[in-house]
């Protein structure tokens, strides 16, 4: 038995990294990951544009992630870590056999699911883009055949990352997406250098452009999953295929049922969203890209915080320590507001400039960048509620309650679908900018609703949550961010006035650089001046560095 597997539980807890240290190390990797991911998306929209080809590729490339979530991904990101932590505590082998069983059965499910999905690719296209006039069904289906094998690799990435996280290894799973992004960047460069254009009428599976883009997308995910195997082996984990029955399978099955229902609701929501978005050409691409931008600060800061907190909350739940769970929830909510509100304000005041600076290139043009920027600016307020909602749901999963998150998800999805059809009805027919804003607003407003419902539900379940303390922190971050970015926008207005008539893209780049460079440091500085408790460690570290110099 490996040294890792025989480590006692108290020793393992002592070896566990602190939330701050673990989330800090992940943040660096995530910055690189999000940066390379953003570069790949900028290249993608510049190369294939934001209209029919772009919408068709976006629809097809989303299928593997959604089906993976339905098959396994949602289960792993929600209930696998709590169960692995409990197995680590209760089993004589440190949970190794349980992890072997999860990987074995997960791979089997993913393989069968991939074969079925590929056989049903035309049906999936029909379901996903409905009667849209602005996505090409034949092209979506052709892309689907090429990218659907990625289901296996997305699932393996989630499987192996869950096992690594339960063993306090956070760095490698966070760095792995960088390799995926680098592969995609190379693929897009090759695609751009190919002579001619992708043929849309008729669509041919032997078209070199189609094969390079589709197979290259799947290759990136395969590389991402492959680098996790050596990392897992390095922890002392010994893999072998393990079939058969485990006494905890009934518990896993019960949790999995509710998570599958949760993911199914999300799939229904995204299917409706895609159908609504493809009612106007370029809307789906605009929504996906504004969502990509909005996810950058959450991916760097929010995901790192959540990933580090999840094993900690799971151990507290395993010990029936509700006080520690509430403390971790309060800390997570407050830190989400402190870390993300300034970025939400940045995207609100300069979302249009961000869209133009990042995406008004190549085949996208100023119109494509404007659509993305407007959608981002008017929906960025949902960033903090989104982070809070995901944290709340993870608290329930840590307590081995998968039923409540599914009920909350049902309420969120109902609100979201209602808003989607409302905004579809009030938007001008064929106006992609209006509809892109409406779809993005529906997503953000549904998370505001979800954060409120989740907090009330947790109050009933756990007792006093010190919600007033969280609200006070949110108010401080709103005030600090508003003041900081008012100053930043004022400086930007003066600078652009002095420069005179310059192009919209150049002006957008100047605004993004100035507002970011002035607004973010000033916002965090004001939070420190307001004596927000969570800022004290940062202030102390800065003071130590200044004294050393």
Protein backbone atom coordinates (compact mmCIF):
# COMPACT_ATOMS: atom_id res chain seq x y z
CA UNK A 1 0.00 0.00 0.00
CA UNK A 2 1.33 3.46 -0.87
CA UNK A 3 2.50 5.91 1.72
CA UNK A 4 -0.26 8.29 0.63
CA UNK A 5 -2.91 5.67 1.16
CA UNK A 6 -1.72 4.78 4.68
CA UNK A 7 -1.51 8.32 6.02
CA UNK A 8 -3.77 8.72 9.03
CA UNK A 9 -6.68 11.11 8.94
CA UNK A 10 -5.28 13.63 11.47
CA UNK A 11 -2.00 13.69 9.55
CA UNK A 12 -3.87 14.25 6.29
CA UNK A 13 -5.75 17.16 7.80
CA UNK A 14 -2.49 18.70 9.00
CA UNK A 15 -1.02 18.29 5.55
CA UNK A 16 -4.01 19.90 3.86
CA UNK A 17 -3.13 23.32 2.52
CA UNK A 18 -4.91 26.36 3.84
CA UNK A 19 -7.73 27.80 1.75
CA UNK A 20 -5.76 30.97 1.09
CA UNK A 21 -2.60 29.13 0.04
CA UNK A 22 -4.43 26.58 -2.11
CA UNK A 23 -6.65 29.16 -3.81
CA UNK A 24 -3.66 31.45 -4.32
CA UNK A 25 -1.64 28.78 -6.13
CA UNK A 26 -4.64 27.89 -8.29
CA UNK A 27 -5.25 31.53 -9.13
CA UNK A 28 -1.89 31.82 -10.93
CA UNK A 29 -2.59 28.74 -13.04
CA UNK A 30 -6.12 29.93 -13.75
CA UNK A 31 -4.89 33.36 -14.89
CA UNK A 32 -2.71 31.64 -17.50
CA UNK A 33 -5.54 29.25 -18.38
CA UNK A 34 -8.12 32.02 -18.80
CA UNK A 35 -5.63 34.19 -20.68
CA UNK A 36 -4.78 31.48 -23.20
CA UNK A 37 -8.47 30.54 -23.40
CA UNK A 38 -9.40 34.13 -24.19
CA UNK A 39 -6.67 34.30 -26.83
CA UNK A 40 -8.03 31.13 -28.45
CA UNK A 41 -11.56 32.59 -28.51
CA UNK A 42 -10.34 35.89 -29.97
CA UNK A 43 -8.55 33.94 -32.71
CA UNK A 44 -11.65 31.80 -33.25
CA UNK A 45 -14.01 34.71 -33.81
CA UNK A 46 -11.43 36.49 -35.98
CA UNK A 47 -10.97 33.40 -38.14
CA UNK A 48 -14.55 32.10 -38.49
CA UNK A 49 -16.61 35.20 -37.60
CA UNK A 50 -19.71 35.65 -35.45
CA UNK A 51 -22.43 34.69 -37.92
CA UNK A 52 -23.57 31.37 -39.46
CA UNK A 53 -20.25 29.50 -39.27
CA UNK A 54 -19.56 30.88 -35.78
CA UNK A 55 -23.03 30.03 -34.47
CA UNK A 56 -22.89 26.52 -35.96
CA UNK A 57 -19.48 25.78 -34.43
CA UNK A 58 -20.56 27.22 -31.06
CA UNK A 59 -23.69 25.03 -31.02
CA UNK A 60 -21.76 21.85 -31.89
CA UNK A 61 -18.80 22.45 -29.57
CA UNK A 62 -21.15 22.92 -26.62
CA UNK A 63 -22.68 19.45 -27.08
CA UNK A 64 -19.79 17.39 -25.59
CA UNK A 65 -19.68 19.48 -22.43
CA UNK A 66 -23.45 19.32 -21.94
CA UNK A 67 -23.66 15.56 -22.53
CA UNK A 68 -20.66 14.97 -20.27
CA UNK A 69 -22.45 16.93 -17.55
CA UNK A 70 -25.56 14.83 -18.07
CA UNK A 71 -23.61 11.55 -17.99
CA UNK A 72 -21.07 12.17 -15.27
CA UNK A 73 -19.51 15.61 -15.02
CA UNK A 74 -22.24 17.12 -12.85
CA UNK A 75 -22.07 14.19 -10.45
CA UNK A 76 -18.32 14.43 -10.08
CA UNK A 77 -18.16 18.18 -9.54
CA UNK A 78 -20.94 17.95 -6.97
CA UNK A 79 -20.85 14.73 -4.95
CA UNK A 80 -17.64 12.87 -5.80
CA UNK A 81 -15.32 14.95 -3.61
CA UNK A 82 -17.49 14.61 -0.45
CA UNK A 83 -17.74 10.84 -1.03
CA UNK A 84 -14.00 10.50 -1.73
CA UNK A 85 -13.22 12.45 1.43
CA UNK A 86 -15.46 10.16 3.47
CA UNK A 87 -13.88 7.08 1.90
CA UNK A 88 -10.45 8.49 2.74
CA UNK A 89 -11.55 8.85 6.34
CA UNK A 90 -13.36 5.53 6.73
CA UNK A 91 -11.44 3.04 4.52
CA UNK A 92 -8.27 1.27 5.53
CA UNK A 93 -6.67 1.97 2.15
CA UNK A 94 -7.31 5.71 2.33
CA UNK A 95 -10.16 5.49 -0.18
CA UNK A 96 -7.97 4.15 -3.01
CA UNK A 97 -10.27 1.26 -3.97
CA UNK A 98 -13.27 3.59 -3.97
CA UNK A 99 -11.44 5.99 -6.29
CA UNK A 100 -10.50 3.06 -8.55
CA UNK A 101 -14.15 2.06 -8.76
CA UNK A 102 -15.21 5.63 -9.63
CA UNK A 103 -12.66 5.85 -12.46
CA UNK A 104 -13.59 2.40 -13.80
CA UNK A 105 -17.33 2.92 -13.84
CA UNK A 106 -17.01 6.51 -14.99
CA UNK A 107 -14.91 5.51 -18.01
CA UNK A 108 -17.42 2.81 -18.92
CA UNK A 109 -20.38 5.20 -18.70
CA UNK A 110 -18.56 7.85 -20.71
CA UNK A 111 -17.58 5.41 -23.44
CA UNK A 112 -21.11 4.08 -23.89
CA UNK A 113 -22.56 7.59 -23.75
CA UNK A 114 -20.15 8.82 -26.43
CA UNK A 115 -21.11 6.02 -28.83
CA UNK A 116 -24.83 6.72 -28.32
CA UNK A 117 -24.35 10.48 -28.70
CA UNK A 118 -22.47 10.09 -31.98
CA UNK A 119 -25.18 7.77 -33.31
CA UNK A 120 -27.79 10.38 -32.37
CA UNK A 121 -25.87 13.44 -33.63
CA UNK A 122 -28.57 14.50 -36.16
CA UNK A 123 -31.25 14.21 -33.46
CA UNK A 124 -29.16 16.28 -31.05
CA UNK A 125 -28.77 18.96 -33.73
CA UNK A 126 -32.54 18.98 -34.27
CA UNK A 127 -33.17 19.33 -30.55
CA UNK A 128 -30.50 21.95 -30.01
CA UNK A 129 -31.04 24.46 -32.81
CA UNK A 130 -34.69 23.68 -33.57
CA UNK A 131 -36.01 25.64 -36.57
CA UNK A 132 -33.35 28.34 -36.48
CA UNK A 133 -32.64 30.13 -39.74
CA UNK A 134 -29.26 31.34 -38.50
CA UNK A 135 -27.36 28.12 -37.81
CA UNK A 136 -26.63 25.50 -40.47
CA UNK A 137 -28.04 22.10 -39.31
CA UNK A 138 -25.82 20.07 -41.65
CA UNK A 139 -22.73 21.93 -40.47
CA UNK A 140 -23.68 21.57 -36.79
CA UNK A 141 -24.14 17.82 -37.29
CA UNK A 142 -20.81 17.49 -39.13
CA UNK A 143 -18.97 19.34 -36.35
CA UNK A 144 -20.82 17.21 -33.78
CA UNK A 145 -19.47 13.95 -35.25
CA UNK A 146 -15.93 15.30 -34.85
CA UNK A 147 -16.16 16.91 -31.41
CA UNK A 148 -18.44 14.44 -29.56
CA UNK A 149 -15.54 12.04 -28.75
CA UNK A 150 -14.45 14.85 -26.42
CA UNK A 151 -17.15 13.61 -24.01
CA UNK A 152 -14.78 10.88 -22.80
CA UNK A 153 -11.94 13.30 -22.22
CA UNK A 154 -14.08 15.94 -20.49
CA UNK A 155 -15.35 13.22 -18.17
CA UNK A 156 -11.88 11.83 -17.46
CA UNK A 157 -10.66 15.34 -16.68
CA UNK A 158 -13.44 15.73 -14.11
CA UNK A 159 -12.84 12.22 -12.69
CA UNK A 160 -9.11 12.57 -12.23
CA UNK A 161 -9.38 16.18 -10.99
CA UNK A 162 -11.86 15.09 -8.30
CA UNK A 163 -9.49 12.38 -7.06
CA UNK A 164 -6.53 14.78 -7.12
CA UNK A 165 -8.46 17.51 -5.27
CA UNK A 166 -9.52 15.04 -2.58
CA UNK A 167 -5.79 14.32 -2.15
CA UNK A 168 -5.04 18.06 -1.80
CA UNK A 169 -3.53 18.35 -5.29
CA UNK A 170 -4.95 21.45 -6.94
CA UNK A 171 -2.21 22.78 -9.23
CA UNK A 172 -2.05 20.23 -12.05
CA UNK A 173 -5.83 20.08 -12.65
CA UNK A 174 -5.81 23.88 -12.90
CA UNK A 175 -2.88 23.96 -15.33
CA UNK A 176 -4.24 21.19 -17.59
CA UNK A 177 -6.68 23.46 -19.52
CA UNK A 178 -3.71 25.60 -20.61
CA UNK A 179 -2.53 22.73 -22.82
CA UNK A 180 -6.01 22.44 -24.31
CA UNK A 181 -5.98 26.15 -25.13
CA UNK A 182 -2.51 25.96 -26.69
CA UNK A 183 -3.60 23.07 -28.92
CA UNK A 184 -6.67 25.03 -30.04
CA UNK A 185 -4.53 28.11 -30.80
CA UNK A 186 -2.23 26.01 -33.02
CA UNK A 187 -5.28 24.45 -34.73
CA UNK A 188 -6.75 27.89 -35.46
CA UNK A 189 -3.46 29.13 -36.92
CA UNK A 190 -3.35 26.05 -39.19
CA UNK A 191 -7.00 26.63 -40.14
CA UNK A 192 -6.30 30.28 -41.03
CA UNK A 193 -3.37 29.24 -43.24
CA UNK A 194 -5.42 26.72 -45.23
CA UNK A 195 -6.27 27.89 -48.74
CA UNK A 196 -9.91 28.52 -49.59
CA UNK A 197 -12.90 28.50 -47.24
CA UNK A 198 -15.09 25.91 -45.54
CA UNK A 199 -17.86 24.82 -47.91
CA UNK A 200 -21.35 25.39 -46.46
CA UNK A 201 -23.45 24.24 -49.39
CA UNK A 202 -23.08 21.34 -49.52
CA UNK A 203 -21.32 20.44 -46.24
CA UNK A 204 -18.72 17.71 -46.77
CA UNK A 205 -17.21 15.56 -44.00
CA UNK A 206 -13.98 15.36 -46.02
CA UNK A 207 -13.55 19.16 -46.13
CA UNK A 208 -10.05 19.86 -44.75
CA UNK A 209 -11.24 23.01 -42.96
CA UNK A 210 -13.98 21.06 -41.18
CA UNK A 211 -11.63 18.24 -40.17
CA UNK A 212 -8.92 20.55 -38.86
CA UNK A 213 -11.34 22.59 -36.75
CA UNK A 214 -13.43 19.68 -35.46
CA UNK A 215 -10.69 17.12 -34.77
CA UNK A 216 -8.42 19.84 -33.39
CA UNK A 217 -11.08 20.77 -30.84
CA UNK A 218 -11.33 17.14 -29.67
CA UNK A 219 -7.53 16.79 -29.60
CA UNK A 220 -7.20 19.73 -27.20
CA UNK A 221 -9.52 18.06 -24.66
CA UNK A 222 -7.64 14.74 -25.03
CA UNK A 223 -4.33 16.43 -24.21
CA UNK A 224 -5.94 18.15 -21.21
CA UNK A 225 -7.05 14.81 -19.75
CA UNK A 226 -3.83 12.94 -20.50
CA UNK A 227 -1.57 15.12 -18.32
CA UNK A 228 -3.58 14.23 -15.20
CA UNK A 229 -2.58 10.53 -15.24
CA UNK A 230 1.10 11.15 -14.33
CA UNK A 231 0.02 13.63 -11.62
CA UNK A 232 -2.28 11.03 -10.05
CA UNK A 233 0.44 8.38 -10.14
CA UNK A 234 2.83 10.78 -8.43
CA UNK A 235 0.51 10.97 -5.39
CA UNK A 236 1.03 7.23 -4.82
CA UNK A 237 -2.32 6.25 -6.30
CA UNK A 238 -2.24 2.86 -8.01
CA UNK A 239 -4.92 2.40 -10.62
CA UNK A 240 -6.53 -0.91 -11.53
CA UNK A 241 -9.87 -1.67 -13.12
CA UNK A 242 -12.37 -2.33 -10.35
CA UNK A 243 -15.84 -3.59 -11.20
CA UNK A 244 -18.45 -5.05 -8.89
CA UNK A 245 -20.48 -3.81 -5.96
CA UNK A 246 -19.48 -1.39 -3.21
CA UNK A 247 -21.63 -1.08 -0.10
CA UNK A 248 -21.83 2.67 -0.69
CA UNK A 249 -23.16 2.34 -4.23
CA UNK A 250 -26.74 2.80 -3.05
CA UNK A 251 -25.75 6.09 -1.40
CA UNK A 252 -23.88 7.18 -4.53
CA UNK A 253 -26.84 6.15 -6.70
CA UNK A 254 -29.28 8.17 -4.62
CA UNK A 255 -27.09 11.26 -4.83
CA UNK A 256 -26.41 10.65 -8.52
CA UNK A 257 -30.11 10.49 -9.35
CA UNK A 258 -30.72 13.98 -7.97
CA UNK A 259 -27.57 15.36 -9.61
CA UNK A 260 -28.59 13.86 -12.95
CA UNK A 261 -31.97 15.56 -12.57
CA UNK A 262 -30.13 18.79 -11.69
CA UNK A 263 -27.98 18.51 -14.82
CA UNK A 264 -31.01 17.57 -16.91
CA UNK A 265 -32.70 20.79 -15.82
CA UNK A 266 -29.57 22.68 -16.83
CA UNK A 267 -29.58 20.92 -20.19
CA UNK A 268 -33.22 21.89 -20.72
CA UNK A 269 -32.36 25.48 -19.81
CA UNK A 270 -29.43 25.64 -22.24
CA UNK A 271 -31.50 24.01 -25.00
CA UNK A 272 -34.16 26.70 -24.62
CA UNK A 273 -31.45 29.38 -24.45
CA UNK A 274 -29.83 28.09 -27.65
CA UNK A 275 -33.17 27.94 -29.45
CA UNK A 276 -33.95 31.51 -28.39
CA UNK A 277 -30.45 32.79 -29.18
CA UNK A 278 -30.39 31.30 -32.68
CA UNK A 279 -33.52 33.29 -33.55
CA UNK A 280 -31.23 36.16 -34.57
CA UNK A 281 -27.93 35.70 -36.38
CA UNK A 282 -24.89 36.21 -34.14
CA UNK A 283 -26.83 36.17 -30.84
CA UNK A 284 -25.53 32.79 -29.65
CA UNK A 285 -21.94 33.76 -30.38
CA UNK A 286 -22.41 37.11 -28.60
CA UNK A 287 -23.87 35.39 -25.53
CA UNK A 288 -21.13 32.73 -25.40
CA UNK A 289 -18.37 35.32 -25.69
CA UNK A 290 -19.76 37.71 -23.10
CA UNK A 291 -20.16 34.70 -20.80
CA UNK A 292 -16.53 33.77 -21.51
CA UNK A 293 -15.36 37.27 -20.51
CA UNK A 294 -17.55 37.32 -17.39
CA UNK A 295 -16.13 33.94 -16.35
CA UNK A 296 -12.50 35.13 -16.41
CA UNK A 297 -12.49 36.75 -12.94
CA UNK A 298 -14.70 34.01 -11.54
CA UNK A 299 -12.44 31.32 -13.02
CA UNK A 300 -9.31 32.96 -11.60
CA UNK A 301 -10.67 33.87 -8.16
CA UNK A 302 -14.09 32.28 -7.55
CA UNK A 303 -13.31 28.76 -8.78
CA UNK A 304 -10.00 28.73 -6.89
CA UNK A 305 -11.80 29.72 -3.70
CA UNK A 306 -14.60 27.18 -4.22
CA UNK A 307 -12.22 24.34 -5.09
CA UNK A 308 -10.14 24.96 -1.97
CA UNK A 309 -13.22 25.27 0.27
CA UNK A 310 -15.02 22.13 -0.98
CA UNK A 311 -12.80 19.48 0.71
CA UNK A 312 -12.75 21.61 3.88
CA UNK A 313 -16.56 21.85 4.02
CA UNK A 314 -16.86 18.15 3.21
CA UNK A 315 -14.67 17.23 6.17
CA UNK A 316 -16.68 19.53 8.45
CA UNK A 317 -19.90 17.90 7.21
CA UNK A 318 -18.43 14.41 7.75
CA UNK A 319 -17.80 15.43 11.38
CA UNK A 320 -21.32 16.96 11.70
CA UNK A 321 -19.67 20.30 12.46
CA UNK A 322 -22.37 22.76 11.33
CA UNK A 323 -20.60 25.68 12.97
CA UNK A 324 -17.57 25.18 10.72
CA UNK A 325 -19.80 24.82 7.65
CA UNK A 326 -21.51 28.14 8.42
CA UNK A 327 -18.14 29.79 9.03
CA UNK A 328 -16.82 28.54 5.69
CA UNK A 329 -20.01 29.66 3.92
CA UNK A 330 -19.78 33.15 5.43
CA UNK A 331 -16.11 33.38 4.48
CA UNK A 332 -16.83 32.19 0.92
CA UNK A 333 -19.74 34.61 0.42
CA UNK A 334 -17.79 37.60 1.70
CA UNK A 335 -14.64 36.74 -0.25
CA UNK A 336 -16.71 36.24 -3.42
CA UNK A 337 -18.09 39.78 -3.05
CA UNK A 338 -14.70 41.31 -2.20
CA UNK A 339 -12.83 39.59 -5.03
CA UNK A 340 -15.45 39.77 -7.77
CA UNK A 341 -17.45 42.99 -7.27
CA UNK A 342 -14.66 45.27 -8.61
CA UNK A 343 -14.46 43.12 -11.75
CA UNK A 344 -18.24 43.21 -12.10
CA UNK A 345 -18.07 47.01 -11.93
CA UNK A 346 -15.25 47.07 -14.52
CA UNK A 347 -17.31 45.02 -16.96
CA UNK A 348 -20.41 47.14 -16.32
CA UNK A 349 -18.78 50.50 -17.02
CA UNK A 350 -16.43 49.33 -19.79
CA UNK A 351 -18.12 46.24 -21.17
CA UNK A 352 -18.66 47.82 -24.57
CA UNK A 353 -14.98 48.78 -24.76
CA UNK A 354 -13.94 45.25 -23.74
CA UNK A 355 -16.11 43.76 -26.49
CA UNK A 356 -14.67 46.08 -29.13
CA UNK A 357 -11.07 45.71 -27.97
CA UNK A 358 -11.16 41.92 -27.79
CA UNK A 359 -13.50 40.89 -30.58
CA UNK A 360 -13.82 43.63 -33.26
CA UNK A 361 -11.28 41.89 -35.44
CA UNK A 362 -11.25 39.89 -38.66
CA UNK A 363 -14.59 38.46 -39.73
CA UNK A 364 -16.30 39.62 -36.52
CA UNK A 365 -15.86 43.37 -37.10
CA UNK A 366 -17.17 46.28 -35.03
CA UNK A 367 -20.75 44.97 -35.15
CA UNK A 368 -19.75 41.63 -33.60
CA UNK A 369 -17.63 43.33 -30.91
CA UNK A 370 -20.45 45.76 -30.11
CA UNK A 371 -22.99 42.95 -29.63
CA UNK A 372 -20.67 41.13 -27.24
CA UNK A 373 -19.77 44.30 -25.34
CA UNK A 374 -23.35 45.45 -24.81
CA UNK A 375 -24.41 42.01 -23.58
CA UNK A 376 -21.47 41.96 -21.16
CA UNK A 377 -22.04 45.47 -19.79
CA UNK A 378 -25.73 44.97 -19.08
CA UNK A 379 -25.43 41.55 -17.46
CA UNK A 380 -22.17 41.76 -15.48
CA UNK A 381 -24.11 42.42 -12.25
CA UNK A 382 -24.81 38.65 -12.15
CA UNK A 383 -21.17 37.72 -11.47
CA UNK A 384 -21.30 37.83 -7.66
CA UNK A 385 -24.75 36.16 -7.37
CA UNK A 386 -23.48 33.42 -9.69
CA UNK A 387 -20.48 32.74 -7.42
CA UNK A 388 -22.63 32.83 -4.28
CA UNK A 389 -25.21 30.45 -5.76
CA UNK A 390 -22.59 27.87 -6.71
CA UNK A 391 -21.05 28.06 -3.24
CA UNK A 392 -24.45 27.59 -1.59
CA UNK A 393 -25.18 24.51 -3.68
CA UNK A 394 -21.79 23.02 -2.78
CA UNK A 395 -22.68 23.38 0.91
CA UNK A 396 -25.68 21.08 0.38
CA UNK A 397 -23.54 18.60 -1.55
CA UNK A 398 -20.95 18.62 1.24
CA UNK A 399 -23.75 17.50 3.57
CA UNK A 400 -24.60 14.69 1.09
CA UNK A 401 -27.86 16.42 0.18
CA UNK A 402 -28.28 16.38 -3.60
CA UNK A 403 -32.05 16.81 -3.49
CA UNK A 404 -32.17 20.44 -2.33
CA UNK A 405 -29.77 21.79 -5.02
CA UNK A 406 -31.97 20.11 -7.64
CA UNK A 407 -35.09 21.79 -6.26
CA UNK A 408 -33.29 25.15 -6.23
CA UNK A 409 -32.06 24.50 -9.79
CA UNK A 410 -35.66 23.80 -10.86
CA UNK A 411 -36.74 27.20 -9.54
CA UNK A 412 -33.78 28.95 -11.21
CA UNK A 413 -34.44 27.25 -14.55
CA UNK A 414 -38.15 28.10 -14.42
CA UNK A 415 -37.33 31.78 -13.86
CA UNK A 416 -34.63 31.73 -16.57
CA UNK A 417 -36.85 30.13 -19.22
CA UNK A 418 -39.66 32.55 -18.45
CA UNK A 419 -37.27 35.50 -18.82
CA UNK A 420 -35.80 34.10 -22.06
CA UNK A 421 -39.19 33.96 -23.74
CA UNK A 422 -40.10 37.35 -22.29
CA UNK A 423 -37.00 38.98 -23.80
CA UNK A 424 -37.52 37.10 -27.07
CA UNK A 425 -41.04 38.54 -27.25
CA UNK A 426 -40.04 42.15 -26.55
CA UNK A 427 -36.90 42.25 -28.73
CA UNK A 428 -37.12 43.52 -32.27
CA UNK A 429 -37.25 40.57 -34.68
CA UNK A 430 -33.83 39.90 -36.14
CA UNK A 431 -32.04 42.43 -33.89
CA UNK A 432 -29.09 40.37 -32.59
CA UNK A 433 -27.86 43.09 -30.22
CA UNK A 434 -31.20 43.35 -28.40
CA UNK A 435 -31.62 39.60 -28.15
CA UNK A 436 -28.01 39.04 -27.01
CA UNK A 437 -28.62 41.49 -24.16
CA UNK A 438 -31.93 39.82 -23.30
CA UNK A 439 -30.44 36.31 -23.19
CA UNK A 440 -27.55 37.52 -21.02
CA UNK A 441 -29.90 39.40 -18.69
CA UNK A 442 -32.06 36.28 -18.27
CA UNK A 443 -29.00 34.31 -17.14
CA UNK A 444 -27.83 36.96 -14.64
CA UNK A 445 -31.28 37.64 -13.17
CA UNK A 446 -31.84 33.91 -12.64
CA UNK A 447 -28.68 33.76 -10.51
CA UNK A 448 -29.78 36.74 -8.43
CA UNK A 449 -32.99 34.82 -7.74
CA UNK A 450 -30.99 31.65 -7.01
CA UNK A 451 -28.70 33.38 -4.49
CA UNK A 452 -31.70 34.66 -2.53
CA UNK A 453 -33.48 31.29 -2.53
CA UNK A 454 -30.28 29.44 -1.57
CA UNK A 455 -29.56 31.73 1.37
CA UNK A 456 -33.10 31.34 2.73
CA UNK A 457 -32.97 27.56 2.34
CA UNK A 458 -29.60 27.32 4.12
CA UNK A 459 -30.94 29.53 6.92
CA UNK A 460 -33.73 27.01 7.48
CA UNK A 461 -31.27 24.09 7.33
CA UNK A 462 -28.31 25.42 9.34
CA UNK A 463 -29.75 28.20 11.47
CA UNK A 464 -28.27 31.69 11.74
CA UNK A 465 -25.95 32.47 8.82
CA UNK A 466 -25.03 36.09 9.73
CA UNK A 467 -26.55 37.19 6.42
CA UNK A 468 -26.52 40.81 7.55
CA UNK A 469 -22.72 40.67 7.79
CA UNK A 470 -22.56 39.38 4.20
CA UNK A 471 -24.96 42.07 2.96
CA UNK A 472 -22.87 44.76 4.68
CA UNK A 473 -19.76 43.48 2.91
CA UNK A 474 -21.58 43.49 -0.44
CA UNK A 475 -22.67 47.10 0.18
CA UNK A 476 -19.08 48.13 0.97
CA UNK A 477 -17.81 46.49 -2.21
CA UNK A 478 -20.51 48.22 -4.27
CA UNK A 479 -19.64 51.63 -2.81
CA UNK A 480 -15.87 51.11 -3.20
CA UNK A 481 -16.24 49.84 -6.77
CA UNK A 482 -18.62 52.65 -7.78
CA UNK A 483 -16.31 55.37 -6.48
CA UNK A 484 -13.21 53.78 -8.00
CA UNK A 485 -14.65 53.31 -11.47
CA UNK A 486 -16.31 56.72 -11.50
CA UNK A 487 -12.83 58.18 -11.08
CA UNK A 488 -11.39 55.80 -13.70
CA UNK A 489 -14.07 56.66 -16.27
CA UNK A 490 -13.53 60.37 -15.62
CA UNK A 491 -9.80 60.06 -16.34
CA UNK A 492 -10.59 58.04 -19.48
CA UNK A 493 -13.02 60.74 -20.67
CA UNK A 494 -10.34 63.41 -20.25
CA UNK A 495 -7.66 61.36 -22.05
CA UNK A 496 -9.91 60.51 -25.01
CA UNK A 497 -10.96 64.17 -25.22
CA UNK A 498 -7.31 65.23 -25.50
CA UNK A 499 -6.53 62.62 -28.15
CA UNK A 500 -9.32 63.79 -30.44
CA UNK A 501 -10.76 61.70 -33.28
CA UNK A 502 -9.44 58.13 -33.11
CA UNK A 503 -10.99 54.87 -34.28
CA UNK A 504 -13.46 52.98 -32.07
CA UNK A 505 -11.18 49.98 -31.57
CA UNK A 506 -8.17 52.12 -30.57
CA UNK A 507 -10.38 54.15 -28.22
CA UNK A 508 -11.69 50.90 -26.73
CA UNK A 509 -8.18 49.63 -26.04
CA UNK A 510 -7.24 52.92 -24.35
CA UNK A 511 -10.36 52.73 -22.19
CA UNK A 512 -9.79 49.11 -21.19
CA UNK A 513 -6.18 49.78 -20.18
CA UNK A 514 -6.88 53.05 -18.33
CA UNK A 515 -10.06 52.00 -16.52
CA UNK A 516 -8.57 48.67 -15.47
CA UNK A 517 -5.26 50.14 -14.33
CA UNK A 518 -6.95 52.89 -12.28
CA UNK A 519 -10.23 51.31 -11.22
CA UNK A 520 -9.19 47.92 -9.87
CA UNK A 521 -6.32 49.07 -7.59
CA UNK A 522 -8.43 51.99 -6.38
CA UNK A 523 -11.41 49.71 -5.62
CA UNK A 524 -9.31 47.29 -3.57
CA UNK A 525 -7.54 50.23 -1.92
CA UNK A 526 -10.89 51.68 -0.84
CA UNK A 527 -11.92 48.29 0.57
CA UNK A 528 -8.73 48.34 2.63
CA UNK A 529 -9.49 51.89 3.73
CA UNK A 530 -13.00 50.77 4.76
CA UNK A 531 -11.26 48.20 7.02
CA UNK A 532 -12.98 45.18 5.52
CA UNK A 533 -11.64 42.31 7.70
CA UNK A 534 -10.70 40.01 4.82
CA UNK A 535 -8.36 42.71 3.48
CA UNK A 536 -6.19 42.70 6.64
CA UNK A 537 -3.86 39.83 5.56
CA UNK A 538 -3.20 41.57 2.24
CA UNK A 539 -2.47 44.88 3.97
CA UNK A 540 -0.16 43.17 6.47
CA UNK A 541 1.77 41.46 3.67
CA UNK A 542 2.17 44.74 1.76
CA UNK A 543 3.39 46.46 4.95
CA UNK A 544 5.99 43.71 5.50
CA UNK A 545 7.26 44.08 1.93
CA UNK A 546 7.50 47.87 2.31
CA UNK A 547 9.40 47.56 5.61
CA UNK A 548 11.89 45.12 4.05
CA UNK A 549 12.69 47.61 1.29
